[in-house]
Amino acid sequence: MSIYDFDVEKQDGSTVSLGEYEGKVLLIVNTATGCGFTPQYEDLEKLYADERANGFEILDFPCNQFANQAPGTDEEIHQFCTLKFGTEFPQFKKIEVNGPAASPLFADLATKFLFEGFGKGVKAMAMNKVAKSVDKEYGDKAYIKWNSTKFLINREGEVVARFEPTAKMEDVAAAVKALL
């Protein structure tokens, strides 16, 4: 199944085909408004502003599955992101990324690029401890482990990279720019 075969829900509940983004470089991310990684919205918006004209889109999917860090309604989450971080990239309806109610898109992404760890350093060690304590599926590599997991899609609709929330945003930006 191609990335373009998936339909997703907009904030208003209407459905949109990812086929509308065919030919663009995509960064698909699950987000939360009350997480230690929430400030990444600022870097994401800067990257979007810099590269949107070059055929780049960020698709934002709020998720409340990790420590209840996105408890608001879709509208409250959208207002928070636009007012606090000035986000202009598309934000979709809040979803689940793991388990029986997982978004088919994220279930597919997680199996195409498996979890390989949070990296090295203090943040990575802390995330390993936190994720293991709250994630009963932690040993399963085909799951999203935390908020702000990012999947990079090339212009042909292929998943080419997965970035855990602990990845440096400069590395994410460099990977995006290499595809543009």
Protein backbone atom coordinates (compact mmCIF):
# COMPACT_ATOMS: atom_id res chain seq x y z
CA MET A 1 0.00 0.00 0.00
CA SER A 2 1.34 3.41 -0.97
CA ILE A 3 1.35 6.37 1.40
CA TYR A 4 -0.96 8.02 -1.13
CA ASP A 5 -3.60 5.32 -0.63
CA PHE A 6 -4.35 6.45 2.91
CA ASP A 7 -7.24 8.70 3.86
CA VAL A 8 -6.97 10.78 7.04
CA GLU A 9 -9.38 12.96 8.95
CA LYS A 10 -9.08 16.71 9.07
CA GLN A 11 -9.88 18.54 12.28
CA ASP A 12 -13.43 19.15 11.09
CA GLY A 13 -14.01 15.40 10.60
CA SER A 14 -13.92 15.48 6.81
CA THR A 15 -11.68 13.02 5.02
CA VAL A 16 -8.71 13.87 2.84
CA SER A 17 -6.61 11.54 0.70
CA LEU A 18 -2.85 11.71 1.15
CA GLY A 19 -2.85 11.46 -2.64
CA GLU A 20 -3.37 15.23 -2.52
CA TYR A 21 0.25 15.48 -1.37
CA GLU A 22 1.69 13.34 -4.17
CA GLY A 23 4.99 14.69 -5.49
CA LYS A 24 5.83 16.54 -2.27
CA VAL A 25 8.35 15.75 0.44
CA LEU A 26 6.39 15.00 3.61
CA LEU A 27 7.27 14.96 7.27
CA ILE A 28 4.53 13.11 9.15
CA VAL A 29 4.64 13.62 12.92
CA ASN A 30 2.57 12.66 15.96
CA THR A 31 2.51 15.54 18.41
CA ALA A 32 1.37 16.56 21.88
CA THR A 33 0.85 19.98 23.41
CA GLY A 34 1.98 19.18 26.95
CA CYS A 35 5.17 17.25 26.30
CA GLY A 36 8.83 18.08 26.81
CA PHE A 37 9.13 17.84 23.01
CA THR A 38 6.29 20.32 22.35
CA PRO A 39 8.81 23.15 21.74
CA GLN A 40 9.80 21.28 18.55
CA TYR A 41 6.75 22.97 17.03
CA GLU A 42 8.90 26.10 16.75
CA ASP A 43 11.60 24.29 14.75
CA LEU A 44 8.99 22.49 12.65
CA GLU A 45 7.27 25.76 11.76
CA LYS A 46 10.59 27.37 10.83
CA LEU A 47 11.45 24.42 8.58
CA TYR A 48 7.98 24.58 7.03
CA ALA A 49 8.21 28.32 6.40
CA ASP A 50 11.67 27.91 4.83
CA GLU A 51 10.85 24.94 2.59
CA ARG A 52 7.12 25.00 1.83
CA ALA A 53 7.66 26.78 -1.48
CA ASN A 54 10.04 23.97 -2.50
CA GLY A 55 7.35 21.28 -2.26
CA PHE A 56 7.56 20.39 1.44
CA GLU A 57 4.65 19.66 3.77
CA ILE A 58 4.45 18.77 7.45
CA LEU A 59 1.42 16.68 8.40
CA ASP A 60 0.70 17.01 12.13
CA PHE A 61 -1.32 14.36 13.95
CA PRO A 62 -1.95 15.15 17.63
CA CYS A 63 -1.93 12.07 19.86
CA ASN A 64 -2.86 11.68 23.52
CA GLN A 65 -1.54 8.14 23.98
CA PHE A 66 1.67 9.02 25.77
CA ALA A 67 1.15 10.14 29.37
CA ASN A 68 -2.04 12.06 28.46
CA GLN A 69 0.00 14.94 27.02
CA ALA A 70 -2.55 16.09 24.41
CA PRO A 71 -5.80 16.10 26.38
CA GLY A 72 -7.56 18.97 24.62
CA THR A 73 -10.08 18.93 21.82
CA ASP A 74 -8.89 19.22 18.23
CA GLU A 75 -9.83 22.91 18.25
CA GLU A 76 -8.04 23.59 21.57
CA ILE A 77 -4.90 21.86 20.29
CA HIS A 78 -5.02 23.83 17.04
CA GLN A 79 -5.47 27.14 18.88
CA PHE A 80 -2.57 26.33 21.21
CA CYS A 81 -0.25 25.54 18.29
CA THR A 82 -1.18 28.54 16.18
CA LEU A 83 -1.12 31.04 19.04
CA LYS A 84 2.00 29.79 20.84
CA PHE A 85 4.10 28.65 17.86
CA GLY A 86 2.46 30.29 14.84
CA THR A 87 2.04 26.95 13.08
CA GLU A 88 0.66 27.04 9.57
CA PHE A 89 1.25 23.46 8.45
CA PRO A 90 -1.74 21.11 8.24
CA GLN A 91 -2.93 19.67 11.53
CA PHE A 92 -5.30 16.73 11.48
CA LYS A 93 -7.76 15.14 13.88
CA LYS A 94 -6.30 13.68 17.08
CA ILE A 95 -5.46 10.00 16.63
CA GLU A 96 -4.02 6.97 18.32
CA VAL A 97 -0.76 5.66 16.89
CA ASN A 98 -0.56 2.27 18.64
CA GLY A 99 -2.91 -0.54 19.57
CA PRO A 100 -6.22 -1.74 18.18
CA ALA A 101 -7.52 1.79 17.49
CA ALA A 102 -4.28 2.96 15.84
CA SER A 103 -4.49 5.08 12.74
CA PRO A 104 -3.87 2.79 9.74
CA LEU A 105 -1.38 5.38 8.47
CA PHE A 106 0.76 5.24 11.62
CA ALA A 107 0.45 1.45 11.88
CA ASP A 108 1.86 1.26 8.36
CA LEU A 109 4.61 3.83 8.96
CA ALA A 110 5.76 2.07 12.15
CA THR A 111 6.15 -1.24 10.31
CA LYS A 112 8.04 0.30 7.39
CA PHE A 113 10.61 1.99 9.62
CA LEU A 114 11.04 0.19 12.92
CA PHE A 115 12.06 1.74 16.21
CA GLU A 116 15.82 1.46 16.66
CA GLY A 117 16.18 3.31 19.95
CA PHE A 118 16.28 6.88 21.17
CA GLY A 119 19.97 7.33 20.37
CA LYS A 120 22.69 8.26 22.83
CA GLY A 121 23.02 10.87 25.52
CA VAL A 122 21.07 12.07 28.51
CA LYS A 123 17.77 12.67 26.67
CA ALA A 124 17.93 9.20 25.12
CA MET A 125 18.59 7.52 28.47
CA ALA A 126 15.73 9.42 30.06
CA MET A 127 13.37 8.55 27.21
CA ASN A 128 14.27 4.86 27.40
CA LYS A 129 13.36 4.83 31.08
CA VAL A 130 10.11 6.76 30.62
CA ALA A 131 8.97 4.82 27.55
CA LYS A 132 9.68 1.45 29.15
CA SER A 133 7.68 2.42 32.24
CA VAL A 134 4.54 3.45 30.33
CA ASP A 135 4.69 1.33 27.18
CA LYS A 136 3.67 -2.31 27.59
CA GLU A 137 4.70 -2.88 23.95
CA TYR A 138 8.17 -1.32 24.41
CA GLY A 139 10.01 -4.40 23.15
CA ASP A 140 7.98 -4.40 19.92
CA LYS A 141 9.96 -2.41 17.37
CA ALA A 142 6.86 -1.83 15.21
CA TYR A 143 5.33 0.69 17.57
CA ILE A 144 5.58 4.42 18.02
CA LYS A 145 7.37 4.98 21.31
CA TRP A 146 6.57 8.63 22.13
CA ASN A 147 5.28 11.99 20.98
CA SER A 148 7.12 13.80 18.17
CA THR A 149 8.13 10.71 16.22
CA LYS A 150 8.69 11.84 12.65
CA PHE A 151 8.57 9.95 9.35
CA LEU A 152 10.16 11.43 6.24
CA ILE A 153 8.52 10.61 2.91
CA ASN A 154 10.19 11.30 -0.45
CA ARG A 155 8.44 12.71 -3.52
CA GLU A 156 7.65 9.16 -4.71
CA GLY A 157 5.72 8.42 -1.53
CA GLU A 158 8.37 6.17 0.02
CA VAL A 159 9.20 6.26 3.72
CA VAL A 160 12.92 7.04 3.80
CA ALA A 161 13.62 7.87 7.45
CA ARG A 162 12.22 7.74 10.96
CA PHE A 163 13.29 10.28 13.56
CA GLU A 164 12.62 9.65 17.21
CA PRO A 165 11.72 12.68 19.35
CA THR A 166 15.28 12.81 20.68
CA ALA A 167 16.74 13.34 17.19
CA LYS A 168 18.31 16.73 16.66
CA MET A 169 16.03 18.98 14.64
CA GLU A 170 19.07 20.07 12.60
CA ASP A 171 19.39 16.45 11.43
CA VAL A 172 15.71 16.33 10.51
CA ALA A 173 16.03 19.61 8.58
CA ALA A 174 19.15 18.37 6.76
CA ALA A 175 17.37 15.17 5.69
CA VAL A 176 14.39 17.17 4.42
CA LYS A 177 16.58 19.58 2.48
CA ALA A 178 18.52 16.69 0.91
CA LEU A 179 15.25 15.41 -0.59
CA LEU A 180 14.17 18.80 -1.89
